[in-house]
Amino acid sequence: MSFTLRVLLVFFAFVVFYFVIRKLKKAQMQVLDSLFWLLFSTSFVLLGVFPDIAVRIAGLLGFMSASNFVFLYVIAVLVVRDFTISVRLAKQEERLNSLVQAAALHWNSIDSKSSNSDFNRND
């Protein structure tokens, strides 16, 4: 793995650390999400500081170079992350729709009760 890639991995890992910690302090990020990003950036630091890890895994998996493995690793992890976020978003949309429907039914029943009492007063 080239020295430039190693330096970039470590540099961007620290950039991610900085932004995640900043968002956590401002309470703009959930702890579980921040844990993912911190672990993901830690893996960048490990791959940058100990390039033999990437070289050995790349050799075991049949990659031509360790940098190809690193790129595939990043893409694969982010695709899995995107999938889990999509699943979580779909669940949240279902919950939101159920909540909106329940609120609409509740307000509809309140409106119908108040209109019935208004109708009875007019008699």
N, C-alpha and C. Protein backbone atom coordinates (compact mmCIF):
# COMPACT_ATOMS: atom_id res chain seq x y z
N MET A 1 0.86 -1.17 0.00
CA MET A 1 0.00 0.00 0.00
C MET A 1 0.90 1.23 0.00
N SER A 2 0.55 2.19 -0.83
CA SER A 2 1.41 3.37 -0.99
C SER A 2 1.39 4.24 0.26
N PHE A 3 2.45 4.96 0.44
CA PHE A 3 2.57 5.87 1.58
C PHE A 3 1.50 6.95 1.54
N THR A 4 1.17 7.43 0.35
CA THR A 4 0.16 8.48 0.20
C THR A 4 -1.20 7.98 0.68
N LEU A 5 -1.56 6.77 0.30
CA LEU A 5 -2.84 6.20 0.74
C LEU A 5 -2.86 6.04 2.25
N ARG A 6 -1.75 5.60 2.81
CA ARG A 6 -1.68 5.43 4.26
C ARG A 6 -1.86 6.76 4.98
N VAL A 7 -1.22 7.79 4.49
CA VAL A 7 -1.34 9.12 5.10
C VAL A 7 -2.77 9.64 4.96
N LEU A 8 -3.36 9.44 3.79
CA LEU A 8 -4.75 9.88 3.59
C LEU A 8 -5.72 9.14 4.50
N LEU A 9 -5.52 7.84 4.68
CA LEU A 9 -6.38 7.07 5.58
C LEU A 9 -6.32 7.63 7.00
N VAL A 10 -5.14 7.86 7.48
CA VAL A 10 -4.99 8.37 8.85
C VAL A 10 -5.53 9.79 8.96
N PHE A 11 -5.24 10.63 7.98
CA PHE A 11 -5.71 12.01 8.01
C PHE A 11 -7.24 12.07 8.04
N PHE A 12 -7.89 11.35 7.12
CA PHE A 12 -9.35 11.40 7.07
C PHE A 12 -9.99 10.70 8.26
N ALA A 13 -9.31 9.74 8.83
CA ALA A 13 -9.82 9.13 10.06
C ALA A 13 -9.89 10.17 11.17
N PHE A 14 -8.86 10.99 11.29
CA PHE A 14 -8.88 12.03 12.32
C PHE A 14 -9.90 13.12 12.00
N VAL A 15 -10.11 13.40 10.74
CA VAL A 15 -11.16 14.35 10.35
C VAL A 15 -12.53 13.82 10.77
N VAL A 16 -12.77 12.54 10.52
CA VAL A 16 -14.05 11.93 10.93
C VAL A 16 -14.17 11.95 12.44
N PHE A 17 -13.10 11.59 13.17
CA PHE A 17 -13.11 11.67 14.63
C PHE A 17 -13.53 13.05 15.10
N TYR A 18 -12.93 14.07 14.53
CA TYR A 18 -13.22 15.44 14.93
C TYR A 18 -14.69 15.79 14.73
N PHE A 19 -15.21 15.49 13.53
CA PHE A 19 -16.60 15.85 13.26
C PHE A 19 -17.59 15.04 14.09
N VAL A 20 -17.30 13.78 14.32
CA VAL A 20 -18.21 12.96 15.12
C VAL A 20 -18.24 13.45 16.57
N ILE A 21 -17.08 13.72 17.13
CA ILE A 21 -17.02 14.23 18.51
C ILE A 21 -17.73 15.58 18.61
N ARG A 22 -17.54 16.41 17.61
CA ARG A 22 -18.21 17.72 17.61
C ARG A 22 -19.73 17.58 17.56
N LYS A 23 -20.21 16.68 16.71
CA LYS A 23 -21.67 16.46 16.61
C LYS A 23 -22.21 15.84 17.89
N LEU A 24 -21.44 14.97 18.52
CA LEU A 24 -21.88 14.39 19.79
C LEU A 24 -21.99 15.45 20.88
N LYS A 25 -21.02 16.34 20.95
CA LYS A 25 -21.06 17.39 21.97
C LYS A 25 -22.25 18.30 21.79
N LYS A 26 -22.65 18.53 20.53
CA LYS A 26 -23.81 19.38 20.25
C LYS A 26 -25.12 18.61 20.28
N ALA A 27 -25.06 17.32 20.59
CA ALA A 27 -26.23 16.44 20.64
C ALA A 27 -26.96 16.41 19.30
N GLN A 28 -26.21 16.40 18.22
CA GLN A 28 -26.79 16.36 16.88
C GLN A 28 -26.65 14.98 16.25
N MET A 29 -26.19 14.01 17.04
CA MET A 29 -25.97 12.67 16.50
C MET A 29 -26.26 11.66 17.60
N GLN A 30 -26.85 10.54 17.20
CA GLN A 30 -27.12 9.49 18.16
C GLN A 30 -25.83 8.74 18.49
N VAL A 31 -25.78 8.21 19.68
CA VAL A 31 -24.58 7.52 20.15
C VAL A 31 -24.27 6.30 19.29
N LEU A 32 -25.29 5.55 18.91
CA LEU A 32 -25.07 4.35 18.10
C LEU A 32 -24.48 4.70 16.74
N ASP A 33 -24.97 5.76 16.13
CA ASP A 33 -24.42 6.21 14.85
C ASP A 33 -22.98 6.69 15.01
N SER A 34 -22.72 7.41 16.07
CA SER A 34 -21.36 7.90 16.29
C SER A 34 -20.41 6.75 16.57
N LEU A 35 -20.88 5.71 17.24
CA LEU A 35 -20.04 4.55 17.49
C LEU A 35 -19.62 3.89 16.19
N PHE A 36 -20.56 3.78 15.24
CA PHE A 36 -20.21 3.22 13.93
C PHE A 36 -19.10 4.03 13.29
N TRP A 37 -19.26 5.34 13.24
CA TRP A 37 -18.28 6.19 12.55
C TRP A 37 -16.93 6.18 13.26
N LEU A 38 -16.95 6.13 14.58
CA LEU A 38 -15.68 6.07 15.31
C LEU A 38 -14.96 4.74 15.05
N LEU A 39 -15.70 3.64 15.04
CA LEU A 39 -15.08 2.35 14.74
C LEU A 39 -14.59 2.28 13.30
N PHE A 40 -15.37 2.84 12.40
CA PHE A 40 -15.00 2.85 10.98
C PHE A 40 -13.72 3.66 10.77
N SER A 41 -13.63 4.81 11.41
CA SER A 41 -12.42 5.61 11.26
C SER A 41 -11.24 4.98 12.00
N THR A 42 -11.51 4.27 13.09
CA THR A 42 -10.44 3.54 13.77
C THR A 42 -9.86 2.47 12.85
N SER A 43 -10.72 1.83 12.07
CA SER A 43 -10.21 0.83 11.13
C SER A 43 -9.31 1.48 10.08
N PHE A 44 -9.61 2.73 9.70
CA PHE A 44 -8.73 3.45 8.78
C PHE A 44 -7.36 3.70 9.40
N VAL A 45 -7.38 4.08 10.67
CA VAL A 45 -6.11 4.32 11.35
C VAL A 45 -5.30 3.02 11.40
N LEU A 46 -5.95 1.92 11.75
CA LEU A 46 -5.25 0.63 11.80
C LEU A 46 -4.67 0.25 10.44
N LEU A 47 -5.46 0.44 9.38
CA LEU A 47 -4.96 0.11 8.05
C LEU A 47 -3.84 1.04 7.61
N GLY A 48 -3.90 2.29 8.04
CA GLY A 48 -2.86 3.24 7.68
C GLY A 48 -1.57 3.04 8.46
N VAL A 49 -1.69 2.74 9.74
CA VAL A 49 -0.51 2.58 10.58
C VAL A 49 0.11 1.19 10.39
N PHE A 50 -0.74 0.18 10.22
CA PHE A 50 -0.25 -1.19 10.03
C PHE A 50 -0.68 -1.69 8.65
N PRO A 51 0.02 -1.30 7.60
CA PRO A 51 -0.40 -1.68 6.25
C PRO A 51 -0.30 -3.18 5.98
N ASP A 52 0.46 -3.89 6.82
CA ASP A 52 0.57 -5.34 6.62
C ASP A 52 -0.77 -6.04 6.77
N ILE A 53 -1.67 -5.46 7.56
CA ILE A 53 -3.01 -6.04 7.71
C ILE A 53 -3.71 -6.06 6.36
N ALA A 54 -3.71 -4.92 5.69
CA ALA A 54 -4.36 -4.83 4.38
C ALA A 54 -3.65 -5.69 3.35
N VAL A 55 -2.33 -5.75 3.41
CA VAL A 55 -1.55 -6.54 2.44
C VAL A 55 -1.87 -8.02 2.60
N ARG A 56 -1.94 -8.50 3.83
CA ARG A 56 -2.22 -9.92 4.08
C ARG A 56 -3.65 -10.29 3.68
N ILE A 57 -4.60 -9.45 4.06
CA ILE A 57 -5.99 -9.74 3.69
C ILE A 57 -6.16 -9.68 2.18
N ALA A 58 -5.53 -8.71 1.54
CA ALA A 58 -5.60 -8.61 0.09
C ALA A 58 -5.00 -9.85 -0.57
N GLY A 59 -3.89 -10.34 -0.03
CA GLY A 59 -3.28 -11.55 -0.57
C GLY A 59 -4.17 -12.76 -0.39
N LEU A 60 -4.80 -12.86 0.78
CA LEU A 60 -5.70 -14.00 1.03
C LEU A 60 -6.91 -13.98 0.11
N LEU A 61 -7.42 -12.80 -0.18
CA LEU A 61 -8.61 -12.68 -1.02
C LEU A 61 -8.29 -12.58 -2.51
N GLY A 62 -7.01 -12.50 -2.86
CA GLY A 62 -6.61 -12.50 -4.26
C GLY A 62 -6.62 -11.14 -4.95
N PHE A 63 -6.48 -10.07 -4.19
CA PHE A 63 -6.42 -8.74 -4.79
C PHE A 63 -5.02 -8.48 -5.33
N MET A 64 -4.95 -7.68 -6.37
CA MET A 64 -3.65 -7.32 -6.94
C MET A 64 -2.84 -6.43 -6.01
N SER A 65 -3.54 -5.54 -5.30
CA SER A 65 -2.83 -4.66 -4.38
C SER A 65 -3.69 -4.40 -3.15
N ALA A 66 -3.03 -3.98 -2.10
CA ALA A 66 -3.73 -3.69 -0.86
C ALA A 66 -4.67 -2.50 -1.00
N SER A 67 -4.31 -1.55 -1.86
CA SER A 67 -5.18 -0.38 -2.03
C SER A 67 -6.52 -0.78 -2.65
N ASN A 68 -6.51 -1.77 -3.54
CA ASN A 68 -7.79 -2.27 -4.09
C ASN A 68 -8.65 -2.87 -3.00
N PHE A 69 -8.02 -3.59 -2.08
CA PHE A 69 -8.77 -4.15 -0.96
C PHE A 69 -9.35 -3.04 -0.09
N VAL A 70 -8.56 -2.01 0.19
CA VAL A 70 -9.03 -0.91 1.03
C VAL A 70 -10.24 -0.22 0.39
N PHE A 71 -10.18 0.00 -0.92
CA PHE A 71 -11.31 0.63 -1.60
C PHE A 71 -12.55 -0.26 -1.54
N LEU A 72 -12.37 -1.55 -1.75
CA LEU A 72 -13.51 -2.46 -1.67
C LEU A 72 -14.06 -2.51 -0.25
N TYR A 73 -13.18 -2.50 0.74
CA TYR A 73 -13.60 -2.50 2.14
C TYR A 73 -14.47 -1.28 2.45
N VAL A 74 -14.03 -0.12 2.01
CA VAL A 74 -14.78 1.11 2.26
C VAL A 74 -16.14 1.05 1.57
N ILE A 75 -16.15 0.64 0.32
CA ILE A 75 -17.41 0.57 -0.43
C ILE A 75 -18.35 -0.44 0.21
N ALA A 76 -17.83 -1.59 0.58
CA ALA A 76 -18.69 -2.64 1.17
C ALA A 76 -19.29 -2.19 2.50
N VAL A 77 -18.48 -1.59 3.35
CA VAL A 77 -18.99 -1.14 4.65
C VAL A 77 -20.04 -0.05 4.47
N LEU A 78 -19.80 0.87 3.55
CA LEU A 78 -20.78 1.95 3.34
C LEU A 78 -22.06 1.45 2.69
N VAL A 79 -21.97 0.44 1.84
CA VAL A 79 -23.19 -0.14 1.25
C VAL A 79 -24.02 -0.83 2.33
N VAL A 80 -23.36 -1.58 3.21
CA VAL A 80 -24.08 -2.23 4.30
C VAL A 80 -24.70 -1.18 5.21
N ARG A 81 -23.97 -0.13 5.49
CA ARG A 81 -24.49 0.95 6.32
C ARG A 81 -25.71 1.62 5.68
N ASP A 82 -25.63 1.84 4.38
CA ASP A 82 -26.75 2.44 3.66
C ASP A 82 -27.97 1.54 3.72
N PHE A 83 -27.76 0.24 3.61
CA PHE A 83 -28.88 -0.70 3.68
C PHE A 83 -29.54 -0.66 5.06
N THR A 84 -28.73 -0.66 6.12
CA THR A 84 -29.31 -0.63 7.46
C THR A 84 -30.04 0.68 7.72
N ILE A 85 -29.52 1.78 7.19
CA ILE A 85 -30.22 3.06 7.33
C ILE A 85 -31.53 3.05 6.56
N SER A 86 -31.55 2.43 5.39
CA SER A 86 -32.79 2.33 4.61
C SER A 86 -33.85 1.52 5.35
N VAL A 87 -33.42 0.44 5.99
CA VAL A 87 -34.36 -0.38 6.77
C VAL A 87 -34.90 0.43 7.95
N ARG A 88 -34.01 1.14 8.65
CA ARG A 88 -34.44 1.95 9.78
C ARG A 88 -35.40 3.06 9.33
N LEU A 89 -35.12 3.66 8.18
CA LEU A 89 -35.98 4.71 7.65
C LEU A 89 -37.36 4.16 7.29
N ALA A 90 -37.40 2.99 6.70
CA ALA A 90 -38.69 2.38 6.36
C ALA A 90 -39.52 2.11 7.62
N LYS A 91 -38.87 1.63 8.66
CA LYS A 91 -39.58 1.39 9.93
C LYS A 91 -40.10 2.71 10.52
N GLN A 92 -39.29 3.76 10.45
CA GLN A 92 -39.71 5.06 10.97
C GLN A 92 -40.89 5.61 10.17
N GLU A 93 -40.88 5.42 8.85
CA GLU A 93 -41.99 5.87 8.03
C GLU A 93 -43.27 5.12 8.38
N GLU A 94 -43.17 3.82 8.63
CA GLU A 94 -44.34 3.05 9.05
C GLU A 94 -44.88 3.57 10.38
N ARG A 95 -43.98 3.81 11.33
CA ARG A 95 -44.41 4.33 12.63
C ARG A 95 -45.04 5.71 12.50
N LEU A 96 -44.47 6.55 11.65
CA LEU A 96 -45.02 7.88 11.45
C LEU A 96 -46.41 7.81 10.82
N ASN A 97 -46.58 6.95 9.81
CA ASN A 97 -47.90 6.80 9.19
C ASN A 97 -48.92 6.29 10.20
N SER A 98 -48.54 5.33 11.02
CA SER A 98 -49.47 4.82 12.05
C SER A 98 -49.84 5.91 13.04
N LEU A 99 -48.86 6.69 13.44
CA LEU A 99 -49.11 7.78 14.38
C LEU A 99 -50.02 8.83 13.78
N VAL A 100 -49.80 9.18 12.53
CA VAL A 100 -50.64 10.18 11.87
C VAL A 100 -52.07 9.66 11.73
N GLN A 101 -52.21 8.38 11.37
CA GLN A 101 -53.54 7.81 11.25
C GLN A 101 -54.26 7.77 12.59
N ALA A 102 -53.54 7.39 13.64
CA ALA A 102 -54.15 7.36 14.98
C ALA A 102 -54.55 8.76 15.42
N ALA A 103 -53.70 9.73 15.15
CA ALA A 103 -54.04 11.11 15.53
C ALA A 103 -55.24 11.61 14.74
N ALA A 104 -55.32 11.27 13.46
CA ALA A 104 -56.45 11.69 12.64
C ALA A 104 -57.74 11.07 13.15
N LEU A 105 -57.69 9.78 13.49
CA LEU A 105 -58.88 9.13 14.04
C LEU A 105 -59.28 9.75 15.37
N HIS A 106 -58.31 10.05 16.20
CA HIS A 106 -58.59 10.68 17.49
C HIS A 106 -59.25 12.04 17.31
N TRP A 107 -58.68 12.88 16.45
CA TRP A 107 -59.24 14.22 16.24
C TRP A 107 -60.59 14.14 15.54
N ASN A 108 -60.76 13.14 14.67
CA ASN A 108 -62.05 12.96 14.02
C ASN A 108 -63.13 12.58 15.03
N SER A 109 -62.78 11.72 15.98
CA SER A 109 -63.76 11.33 16.99
C SER A 109 -64.09 12.51 17.90
N ILE A 110 -63.11 13.34 18.21
CA ILE A 110 -63.36 14.53 19.03
C ILE A 110 -64.26 15.50 18.27
N ASP A 111 -63.99 15.70 16.97
CA ASP A 111 -64.82 16.61 16.17
C ASP A 111 -66.24 16.10 16.05
N SER A 112 -66.39 14.79 15.87
CA SER A 112 -67.75 14.26 15.72
C SER A 112 -68.51 14.35 17.03
N LYS A 113 -67.86 14.18 18.17
CA LYS A 113 -68.52 14.33 19.47
C LYS A 113 -68.94 15.77 19.70
N SER A 114 -68.07 16.71 19.34
CA SER A 114 -68.43 18.11 19.56
C SER A 114 -69.53 18.54 18.60
N SER A 115 -69.55 18.03 17.38
CA SER A 115 -70.62 18.39 16.45
C SER A 115 -71.94 17.75 16.87
N ASN A 116 -71.90 16.55 17.45
CA ASN A 116 -73.13 15.92 17.96
C ASN A 116 -73.68 16.70 19.13
N SER A 117 -72.84 17.17 20.01
CA SER A 117 -73.32 17.94 21.16
C SER A 117 -73.86 19.30 20.69
N ASP A 118 -73.26 19.91 19.65
CA ASP A 118 -73.80 21.14 19.09
C ASP A 118 -75.15 20.90 18.45
N PHE A 119 -75.33 19.76 17.79
CA PHE A 119 -76.59 19.42 17.14
C PHE A 119 -77.69 19.22 18.19
N ASN A 120 -77.34 18.56 19.29
CA ASN A 120 -78.32 18.32 20.36
C ASN A 120 -78.72 19.62 21.06
N ARG A 121 -77.84 20.58 21.14
CA ARG A 121 -78.16 21.85 21.78
C ARG A 121 -79.14 22.66 20.93
N ASN A 122 -79.05 22.50 19.61
CA ASN A 122 -79.93 23.25 18.72
C ASN A 122 -81.34 22.72 18.73
N ASP A 123 -81.59 21.51 19.23
CA ASP A 123 -82.94 20.93 19.26
C ASP A 123 -83.76 21.46 20.34
